[in-house]
N, C-alpha and C. Protein backbone atom coordinates (compact mmCIF):
# COMPACT_ATOMS: atom_id res chain seq x y z
N MET A 1 0.68 -1.03 0.11
CA MET A 1 -0.03 -0.12 -0.01
C MET A 1 0.84 1.25 -0.02
N ARG A 2 1.65 1.22 0.89
CA ARG A 2 2.68 2.33 1.08
C ARG A 2 3.43 2.51 -0.42
N ARG A 3 4.10 1.61 -0.82
CA ARG A 3 4.40 1.40 -2.20
C ARG A 3 3.88 1.89 -3.35
N PHE A 4 2.59 1.64 -3.06
CA PHE A 4 1.57 2.21 -4.35
C PHE A 4 1.52 3.68 -4.26
N LEU A 5 1.08 3.93 -3.05
CA LEU A 5 0.92 5.46 -2.89
C LEU A 5 1.96 6.47 -3.13
N MET A 6 3.53 6.14 -2.85
CA MET A 6 4.48 6.58 -2.99
C MET A 6 4.83 6.72 -4.60
N THR A 7 4.62 5.45 -5.32
CA THR A 7 4.47 5.46 -6.75
C THR A 7 3.73 6.36 -7.35
N SER A 8 2.27 6.58 -7.10
CA SER A 8 1.12 6.90 -7.42
C SER A 8 1.60 8.81 -7.38
N LEU A 9 2.21 9.15 -6.25
CA LEU A 9 2.64 10.28 -6.05
C LEU A 9 3.39 10.98 -7.02
N ILE A 10 4.74 9.87 -6.98
CA ILE A 10 5.55 10.30 -8.14
C ILE A 10 5.18 10.49 -9.43
N VAL A 11 4.41 9.73 -9.92
CA VAL A 11 4.11 9.60 -11.13
C VAL A 11 3.10 10.55 -11.51
N SER A 12 2.11 11.05 -10.38
CA SER A 12 1.43 12.14 -10.55
C SER A 12 2.32 13.28 -10.71
N GLY A 13 3.12 13.59 -9.96
CA GLY A 13 4.29 14.58 -9.97
C GLY A 13 4.80 14.86 -11.40
N CYS A 14 5.15 13.65 -11.93
CA CYS A 14 5.58 13.97 -13.35
C CYS A 14 4.80 14.16 -14.31
N ILE A 15 3.60 13.67 -14.24
CA ILE A 15 2.61 14.00 -15.06
C ILE A 15 2.25 15.53 -15.37
N LEU A 16 2.09 16.08 -13.98
CA LEU A 16 1.56 17.29 -13.64
C LEU A 16 2.61 18.40 -13.98
N SER A 17 3.72 18.03 -13.91
CA SER A 17 5.03 18.88 -14.22
C SER A 17 5.40 18.98 -15.79
N GLY A 18 5.01 18.05 -16.58
CA GLY A 18 4.84 18.32 -17.91
C GLY A 18 4.84 16.77 -18.53
N CYS A 19 5.55 16.65 -19.88
CA CYS A 19 5.14 15.48 -20.32
C CYS A 19 6.34 14.27 -19.80
N ALA A 20 5.89 13.37 -19.34
CA ALA A 20 6.93 12.23 -18.86
C ALA A 20 7.12 11.42 -19.79
N THR A 21 8.45 10.88 -20.24
CA THR A 21 8.80 10.01 -21.17
C THR A 21 8.43 8.72 -20.27
N THR A 22 8.79 7.55 -21.16
CA THR A 22 8.66 6.44 -20.74
C THR A 22 9.73 5.98 -19.58
N SER A 23 10.90 6.65 -20.23
CA SER A 23 12.05 6.11 -19.28
C SER A 23 12.20 7.02 -18.09
N SER A 24 11.47 8.08 -18.27
CA SER A 24 11.55 9.06 -16.87
C SER A 24 10.62 8.25 -15.82
N VAL A 25 9.73 7.59 -16.19
CA VAL A 25 8.47 6.82 -15.59
C VAL A 25 9.12 5.66 -14.98
N ARG A 26 9.99 4.84 -15.71
CA ARG A 26 10.76 3.85 -15.29
C ARG A 26 11.72 4.30 -14.15
N SER A 27 12.57 5.25 -14.45
CA SER A 27 13.61 5.64 -13.60
C SER A 27 13.08 6.12 -12.03
N VAL A 28 11.72 6.50 -12.38
CA VAL A 28 10.90 6.72 -10.99
C VAL A 28 10.40 5.52 -10.21
N GLN A 29 10.22 4.62 -11.13
CA GLN A 29 9.86 3.41 -10.56
C GLN A 29 11.13 2.49 -9.88
N ASP A 30 11.90 2.51 -10.48
CA ASP A 30 13.19 2.00 -10.26
C ASP A 30 13.49 2.64 -8.84
N LEU A 31 13.59 3.96 -8.52
CA LEU A 31 13.84 4.70 -7.41
C LEU A 31 13.04 4.32 -6.12
N ALA A 32 11.44 4.01 -6.57
CA ALA A 32 10.72 3.84 -5.54
C ALA A 32 10.63 2.18 -5.32
N ASP A 33 11.34 1.41 -6.00
CA ASP A 33 11.47 -0.15 -5.66
C ASP A 33 12.68 -0.02 -4.97
N GLU A 34 13.99 0.65 -5.03
CA GLU A 34 15.17 0.81 -4.43
C GLU A 34 14.76 0.99 -2.76
N ALA A 35 13.82 2.02 -3.07
CA ALA A 35 13.32 2.66 -1.54
C ALA A 35 12.67 1.56 -0.90
N ASP A 36 11.86 0.88 -1.61
CA ASP A 36 11.10 0.12 -0.96
C ASP A 36 11.87 -1.23 -0.27
N ARG A 37 12.88 -1.60 -1.01
CA ARG A 37 13.68 -2.79 -0.75
C ARG A 37 14.57 -2.38 0.36
N LYS A 38 15.21 -1.20 0.65
CA LYS A 38 16.03 -0.62 1.55
C LYS A 38 15.00 -0.43 2.81
N ALA A 39 13.75 -0.24 2.78
CA ALA A 39 12.94 -0.09 3.87
C ALA A 39 12.50 -1.44 4.51
N ALA A 40 12.55 -2.41 3.80
CA ALA A 40 12.11 -3.60 4.01
C ALA A 40 13.57 -4.21 4.64
N GLU A 41 14.71 -4.04 4.08
CA GLU A 41 15.98 -4.58 4.70
C GLU A 41 15.90 -3.88 6.12
N ALA A 42 15.83 -2.50 6.39
CA ALA A 42 15.81 -1.96 7.80
C ALA A 42 15.11 -2.41 8.59
N LEU A 43 13.54 -2.90 8.19
CA LEU A 43 12.75 -3.50 9.22
C LEU A 43 13.27 -4.84 9.61
N SER A 44 13.71 -5.48 8.65
CA SER A 44 14.17 -6.94 8.99
C SER A 44 15.47 -6.80 10.14
N GLU A 45 16.40 -5.81 9.82
CA GLU A 45 17.46 -5.63 10.79
C GLU A 45 17.09 -4.96 11.92
N ALA A 46 15.98 -4.25 12.19
CA ALA A 46 15.40 -3.48 13.47
C ALA A 46 14.72 -4.73 14.30
N ARG A 47 14.23 -5.55 13.47
CA ARG A 47 13.63 -6.56 14.17
C ARG A 47 14.76 -7.59 14.71
N GLU A 48 15.54 -7.64 14.02
CA GLU A 48 16.78 -9.00 14.70
C GLU A 48 17.19 -7.83 16.01
N ALA A 49 17.30 -6.86 15.69
CA ALA A 49 18.00 -6.25 17.10
C ALA A 49 17.25 -6.14 18.20
N LYS A 50 16.04 -5.93 17.99
CA LYS A 50 15.08 -6.03 18.87
C LYS A 50 15.17 -7.41 19.41
N ARG A 51 15.22 -8.16 18.71
CA ARG A 51 15.16 -10.04 19.28
C ARG A 51 16.53 -9.99 20.13
N LEU A 52 17.56 -9.63 19.54
CA LEU A 52 18.67 -9.48 20.26
C LEU A 52 18.93 -9.07 21.73
N ALA A 53 18.01 -7.84 21.73
CA ALA A 53 18.23 -6.99 22.77
C ALA A 53 17.21 -7.81 23.76
N GLN A 54 16.01 -8.35 23.44
CA GLN A 54 15.14 -8.96 24.33
C GLN A 54 16.06 -10.17 24.96
N GLU A 55 16.71 -10.87 24.27
CA GLU A 55 17.54 -12.11 24.84
C GLU A 55 18.67 -11.56 26.06
N ALA A 56 19.01 -10.57 25.38
CA ALA A 56 20.28 -9.81 26.32
C ALA A 56 19.30 -9.43 27.84
N ASN A 57 18.33 -8.90 27.81
CA ASN A 57 17.79 -8.52 28.69
C ASN A 57 17.14 -9.61 29.57
N GLU A 58 16.89 -10.87 29.03
CA GLU A 58 16.39 -12.08 29.75
C GLU A 58 17.82 -12.80 30.41
N ARG A 59 18.84 -12.50 29.79
CA ARG A 59 19.93 -13.34 30.41
C ARG A 59 20.27 -12.17 31.71
N SER A 60 20.14 -11.03 31.45
CA SER A 60 20.71 -9.94 32.59
C SER A 60 19.41 -10.18 33.59
N MET A 61 18.37 -10.54 33.49
CA MET A 61 17.45 -10.85 34.68
C MET A 61 17.87 -11.80 35.32
N ARG A 62 18.24 -12.99 34.68
CA ARG A 62 18.53 -14.56 35.16
C ARG A 62 19.75 -14.27 35.97
N SER A 63 20.62 -13.68 35.58
CA SER A 63 22.21 -13.41 36.06
C SER A 63 21.64 -12.26 37.53
N GLU A 64 20.78 -11.41 37.50
CA GLU A 64 20.43 -10.74 38.68
C GLU A 64 19.91 -11.56 39.60
N GLU A 65 19.14 -12.24 39.36
CA GLU A 65 18.16 -13.21 40.37
C GLU A 65 19.41 -14.04 40.83
N MET A 66 20.20 -14.76 40.00
CA MET A 66 21.05 -15.65 40.62
C MET A 66 22.12 -14.64 41.89
N LEU A 67 22.40 -13.81 41.45
CA LEU A 67 23.27 -12.92 42.42
C LEU A 67 22.57 -12.59 43.56
N ASN A 68 21.13 -12.31 43.35
CA ASN A 68 20.23 -11.85 44.67
C ASN A 68 20.28 -13.25 45.49
N ARG A 69 20.00 -14.39 44.70
CA ARG A 69 19.96 -15.71 45.69
C ARG A 69 21.29 -16.01 46.60
N SER A 70 22.47 -15.78 45.83
CA SER A 70 23.64 -16.23 46.35
C SER A 70 23.92 -15.14 47.64
N PHE A 71 23.55 -13.91 47.39
CA PHE A 71 23.81 -12.81 48.40
C PHE A 71 23.01 -13.11 49.52
N LYS A 72 21.66 -13.58 49.35
CA LYS A 72 20.90 -13.88 50.66
C LYS A 72 21.32 -14.85 51.20
N ARG A 73 21.97 -16.22 50.43
CA ARG A 73 22.46 -17.41 51.29
C ARG A 73 23.88 -17.04 51.93
N ALA A 74 24.42 -16.01 51.42
CA ALA A 74 25.93 -15.71 52.23
C ALA A 74 25.31 -14.66 53.40
N MET A 75 24.21 -13.96 53.35
CA MET A 75 23.87 -13.28 54.66
C MET A 75 23.24 -14.22 55.58
N TYR A 76 22.80 -15.47 55.26
CA TYR A 76 22.09 -16.19 56.32
C TYR A 76 23.31 -17.34 57.19
N LYS A 77 24.62 -17.00 56.22
CA LYS A 77 25.55 -18.00 57.12
C LYS A 77 26.18 -17.18 58.10
């Protein structure tokens, strides 16, 4: 949907600004396709980073719990 909207706006702008040749429309379409590809790639990398951050947070919480238990055991001795 987003790609369609972007492409529609670009093509409309080309048509309203003057005669758009087939090659200029293709050029604009290629730019839109490249932008769409880069956005999908960035989203994929962001999702991976989020997953890794969640894993790190879980490890941190487990480590904190283990330290707390060790500290409590040491206090009872």
